[in-house]
Amino acid sequence: MKREKISVTTPDGYTVKVPAQLLATAVIAAIFGQTSSILPTAPAALPANTDSVPEVGEYWPGQGGHNAGFVPARDGVPAHYLIVAAKDIGDHKWGRYGEESGGTSRTDGLANTACLLNDGNHPAASACAEYQADGHGDFYLPAAAELYQCWLYTQHLFAKDCWYWSSTQRSANLAFGLVFGVGFQLGHGKDLELRVRPVRRLFI
């Protein structure tokens, strides 16, 4: 049976159709001051004031690094800002050459890093997980797309003459790395020592 709908005009002049049963329930609840218990709660709005957000590439006080840009919600990860650590943490092997890994996401470095830490013997991922700055200890090895975002917006913070590891595996023998001099990504042997730079997320 088709539910009856009633047209309701808002104070702004918009007309919407509402199921008659829901409208009746809302009216009755409003009379008894119980509207909040039967109507869905509106989602929290994003802060309108963005004055506290530093320019892309600038250091974000209290967040452990520089603003590497906004990342929209994707693949189950809520929208956030990518924060890149202020310094490199040395050259490390990716680890476990010749073995397949669960770290295959090209966008989710946090999930990749969790897989690598669970497997063990992944020096680059471990170094990122151990890094701390401004009281934050939730850093990780960036995925290929996150590392590319760092090249797009914060390449001035990186060395131009060496390769940096991502947490994204390409094959049992290779994982993706990026050279900041040209922004080129390529698979490298997991037993090689490449430069490492941690990142973290600031959710909004």
Protein backbone atom coordinates (compact mmCIF):
# COMPACT_ATOMS: atom_id res chain seq x y z
CA MET A 1 0.00 0.00 0.00
CA LYS A 2 1.37 3.39 -1.01
CA ARG A 3 2.00 5.73 1.91
CA GLU A 4 0.18 9.07 1.81
CA LYS A 5 2.47 12.11 1.62
CA ILE A 6 1.74 15.72 2.50
CA SER A 7 3.42 18.73 0.89
CA VAL A 8 4.95 21.10 3.42
CA THR A 9 6.35 24.54 2.58
CA THR A 10 9.32 25.72 4.64
CA PRO A 11 9.80 29.35 5.80
CA ASP A 12 12.37 29.72 3.01
CA GLY A 13 9.81 28.83 0.36
CA TYR A 14 10.94 25.26 -0.36
CA THR A 15 8.24 22.62 -0.75
CA VAL A 16 8.96 19.09 0.43
CA LYS A 17 6.82 15.97 0.60
CA VAL A 18 6.69 14.25 3.99
CA PRO A 19 4.97 10.95 4.87
CA ALA A 20 1.72 11.82 6.63
CA GLN A 21 2.45 9.45 9.51
CA LEU A 22 5.84 11.05 10.23
CA LEU A 23 4.36 14.55 10.09
CA ALA A 24 1.56 13.60 12.48
CA THR A 25 4.03 12.03 14.90
CA ALA A 26 6.22 15.14 14.79
CA VAL A 27 3.30 17.44 15.51
CA ILE A 28 2.16 15.37 18.48
CA ALA A 29 5.71 15.15 19.82
CA ALA A 30 6.18 18.90 19.45
CA ILE A 31 3.05 19.52 21.48
CA PHE A 32 4.53 17.50 24.34
CA GLY A 33 8.04 18.88 23.88
CA GLN A 34 9.47 15.56 22.70
CA THR A 35 10.50 16.41 19.16
CA SER A 36 14.15 15.48 19.71
CA SER A 37 13.24 11.91 20.61
CA ILE A 38 11.48 11.07 17.34
CA LEU A 39 13.29 13.12 14.70
CA PRO A 40 16.79 12.17 13.51
CA THR A 41 19.63 14.30 14.81
CA ALA A 42 21.23 16.50 12.16
CA PRO A 43 24.87 15.64 11.42
CA ALA A 44 27.43 17.90 13.03
CA ALA A 45 28.41 20.70 10.67
CA LEU A 46 32.03 21.34 9.83
CA PRO A 47 33.53 24.34 11.64
CA ALA A 48 32.83 27.49 9.65
CA ASN A 49 35.95 29.21 10.96
CA THR A 50 39.05 27.96 9.17
CA ASP A 51 41.33 30.75 10.38
CA SER A 52 43.26 28.24 12.49
CA VAL A 53 44.17 26.10 9.46
CA PRO A 54 47.65 27.06 8.20
CA GLU A 55 48.40 27.39 4.51
CA VAL A 56 49.29 24.19 2.69
CA GLY A 57 52.97 23.49 3.23
CA GLU A 58 53.19 25.46 6.47
CA TYR A 59 53.87 23.94 9.88
CA TRP A 60 50.69 23.19 11.84
CA PRO A 61 51.43 24.05 15.50
CA GLY A 62 50.65 21.21 17.86
CA GLN A 63 50.01 18.67 15.08
CA GLY A 64 53.50 17.26 14.63
CA GLY A 65 54.23 18.50 11.15
CA HIS A 66 53.21 20.46 8.07
CA ASN A 67 49.82 20.76 6.42
CA ALA A 68 50.04 18.55 3.32
CA GLY A 69 46.51 19.31 2.20
CA PHE A 70 42.92 18.19 2.60
CA VAL A 71 41.90 14.60 1.84
CA PRO A 72 38.18 13.97 1.15
CA ALA A 73 36.45 10.94 2.62
CA ARG A 74 37.22 7.81 0.61
CA ASP A 75 37.20 4.05 1.03
CA GLY A 76 35.71 4.26 4.52
CA VAL A 77 38.24 6.81 5.81
CA PRO A 78 36.61 10.10 6.97
CA ALA A 79 37.75 13.44 5.56
CA HIS A 80 40.96 14.73 7.11
CA TYR A 81 44.08 16.80 6.68
CA LEU A 82 47.31 14.99 5.88
CA ILE A 83 50.12 16.04 8.22
CA VAL A 84 53.67 15.34 7.06
CA ALA A 85 56.45 15.14 9.64
CA ALA A 86 58.91 18.02 9.69
CA LYS A 87 61.94 15.82 9.01
CA ASP A 88 63.12 12.58 7.45
CA ILE A 89 63.85 9.68 9.78
CA GLY A 90 66.68 8.05 7.90
CA ASP A 91 67.07 5.37 5.23
CA HIS A 92 65.42 1.99 5.86
CA LYS A 93 64.60 -1.21 4.04
CA TRP A 94 60.96 -1.88 3.20
CA GLY A 95 61.42 -5.46 4.39
CA ARG A 96 60.51 -9.09 3.66
CA TYR A 97 61.84 -9.24 0.12
CA GLY A 98 60.24 -12.08 -1.83
CA GLU A 99 57.11 -12.23 0.36
CA GLU A 100 53.62 -10.97 -0.40
CA SER A 101 52.20 -8.41 2.03
CA GLY A 102 48.74 -7.14 2.90
CA GLY A 103 49.96 -3.56 2.44
CA THR A 104 48.53 -3.08 -1.04
CA SER A 105 46.28 -0.03 -0.68
CA ARG A 106 47.35 2.90 -2.83
CA THR A 107 45.45 5.41 -0.68
CA ASP A 108 45.38 4.12 2.92
CA GLY A 109 48.86 4.18 4.39
CA LEU A 110 47.58 3.70 7.92
CA ALA A 111 45.97 0.37 6.98
CA ASN A 112 49.09 -0.65 5.06
CA THR A 113 51.33 0.17 8.00
CA ALA A 114 49.13 -1.84 10.36
CA CYS A 115 49.50 -4.86 8.05
CA LEU A 116 53.27 -4.44 7.85
CA LEU A 117 53.65 -4.11 11.61
CA ASN A 118 51.51 -7.18 12.13
CA ASP A 119 53.72 -9.18 9.75
CA GLY A 120 56.90 -7.93 11.43
CA ASN A 121 60.34 -7.18 9.99
CA HIS A 122 59.30 -4.10 8.00
CA PRO A 123 61.88 -1.47 9.08
CA ALA A 124 60.46 1.54 7.18
CA ALA A 125 56.95 1.06 8.58
CA SER A 126 58.29 0.40 12.08
CA ALA A 127 60.38 3.58 12.03
CA CYS A 128 57.30 5.64 11.13
CA ALA A 129 55.15 3.99 13.81
CA GLU A 130 57.79 4.77 16.44
CA TYR A 131 58.11 8.43 15.45
CA GLN A 132 56.57 11.06 17.75
CA ALA A 133 56.17 14.83 17.49
CA ASP A 134 54.15 17.41 19.46
CA GLY A 135 52.86 14.59 21.66
CA HIS A 136 51.44 12.59 18.74
CA GLY A 137 52.43 8.97 18.22
CA ASP A 138 50.02 7.99 15.43
CA PHE A 139 52.37 8.42 12.48
CA TYR A 140 52.60 5.88 9.67
CA LEU A 141 54.32 5.18 6.36
CA PRO A 142 52.29 6.95 3.63
CA ALA A 143 50.60 5.03 0.83
CA ALA A 144 51.58 5.79 -2.77
CA ALA A 145 48.78 8.34 -3.25
CA GLU A 146 49.56 10.05 0.06
CA LEU A 147 53.24 10.29 -0.84
CA TYR A 148 52.25 11.79 -4.19
CA GLN A 149 50.09 14.35 -2.37
CA CYS A 150 53.18 15.30 -0.36
CA TRP A 151 55.00 15.87 -3.65
CA LEU A 152 52.13 18.02 -4.95
CA TYR A 153 51.93 20.32 -1.93
CA THR A 154 55.04 19.99 0.23
CA GLN A 155 57.88 18.98 -2.07
CA HIS A 156 60.00 21.83 -0.69
CA LEU A 157 60.26 19.83 2.55
CA PHE A 158 61.84 16.78 0.90
CA ALA A 159 65.26 15.96 -0.50
CA LYS A 160 65.22 16.06 -4.30
CA ASP A 161 68.06 13.62 -4.98
CA CYS A 162 66.78 10.43 -3.36
CA TRP A 163 63.83 8.06 -3.34
CA TYR A 164 61.24 7.82 -0.54
CA TRP A 165 59.37 4.68 0.40
CA SER A 166 55.60 4.39 0.32
CA SER A 167 53.77 1.64 2.21
CA THR A 168 52.19 0.32 -1.00
CA GLN A 169 53.45 -3.04 -2.21
CA ARG A 170 53.78 -3.64 -5.94
CA SER A 171 54.75 -7.32 -5.85
CA ALA A 172 56.46 -9.87 -3.62
CA ASN A 173 59.80 -8.26 -4.49
CA LEU A 174 58.87 -4.61 -5.04
CA ALA A 175 57.17 -1.68 -3.30
CA PHE A 176 56.45 1.79 -4.65
CA GLY A 177 58.82 4.67 -4.02
CA LEU A 178 58.82 8.29 -5.20
CA VAL A 179 61.64 10.67 -6.12
CA PHE A 180 60.73 14.26 -5.20
CA GLY A 181 63.01 15.83 -7.78
CA VAL A 182 60.54 14.94 -10.55
CA GLY A 183 57.56 13.33 -8.78
CA PHE A 184 58.13 9.96 -10.45
CA GLN A 185 56.97 6.72 -8.80
CA LEU A 186 58.57 3.35 -9.43
CA GLY A 187 58.77 -0.09 -7.86
CA HIS A 188 61.96 -0.76 -5.87
CA GLY A 189 63.37 -3.91 -4.33
CA LYS A 190 62.13 -4.32 -0.78
CA ASP A 191 65.66 -5.07 0.38
CA LEU A 192 66.90 -1.60 -0.63
CA GLU A 193 67.30 1.25 1.85
CA LEU A 194 65.29 4.31 0.78
CA ARG A 195 64.50 7.54 2.62
CA VAL A 196 61.50 7.56 4.97
CA ARG A 197 59.13 10.37 6.02
CA PRO A 198 56.17 9.70 8.38
CA VAL A 199 52.69 11.20 8.06
CA ARG A 200 49.59 11.29 10.24
CA ARG A 201 45.95 12.34 9.92
CA LEU A 202 44.09 15.25 11.48
CA PHE A 203 40.38 14.46 11.30
CA ILE A 204 37.88 17.29 11.04
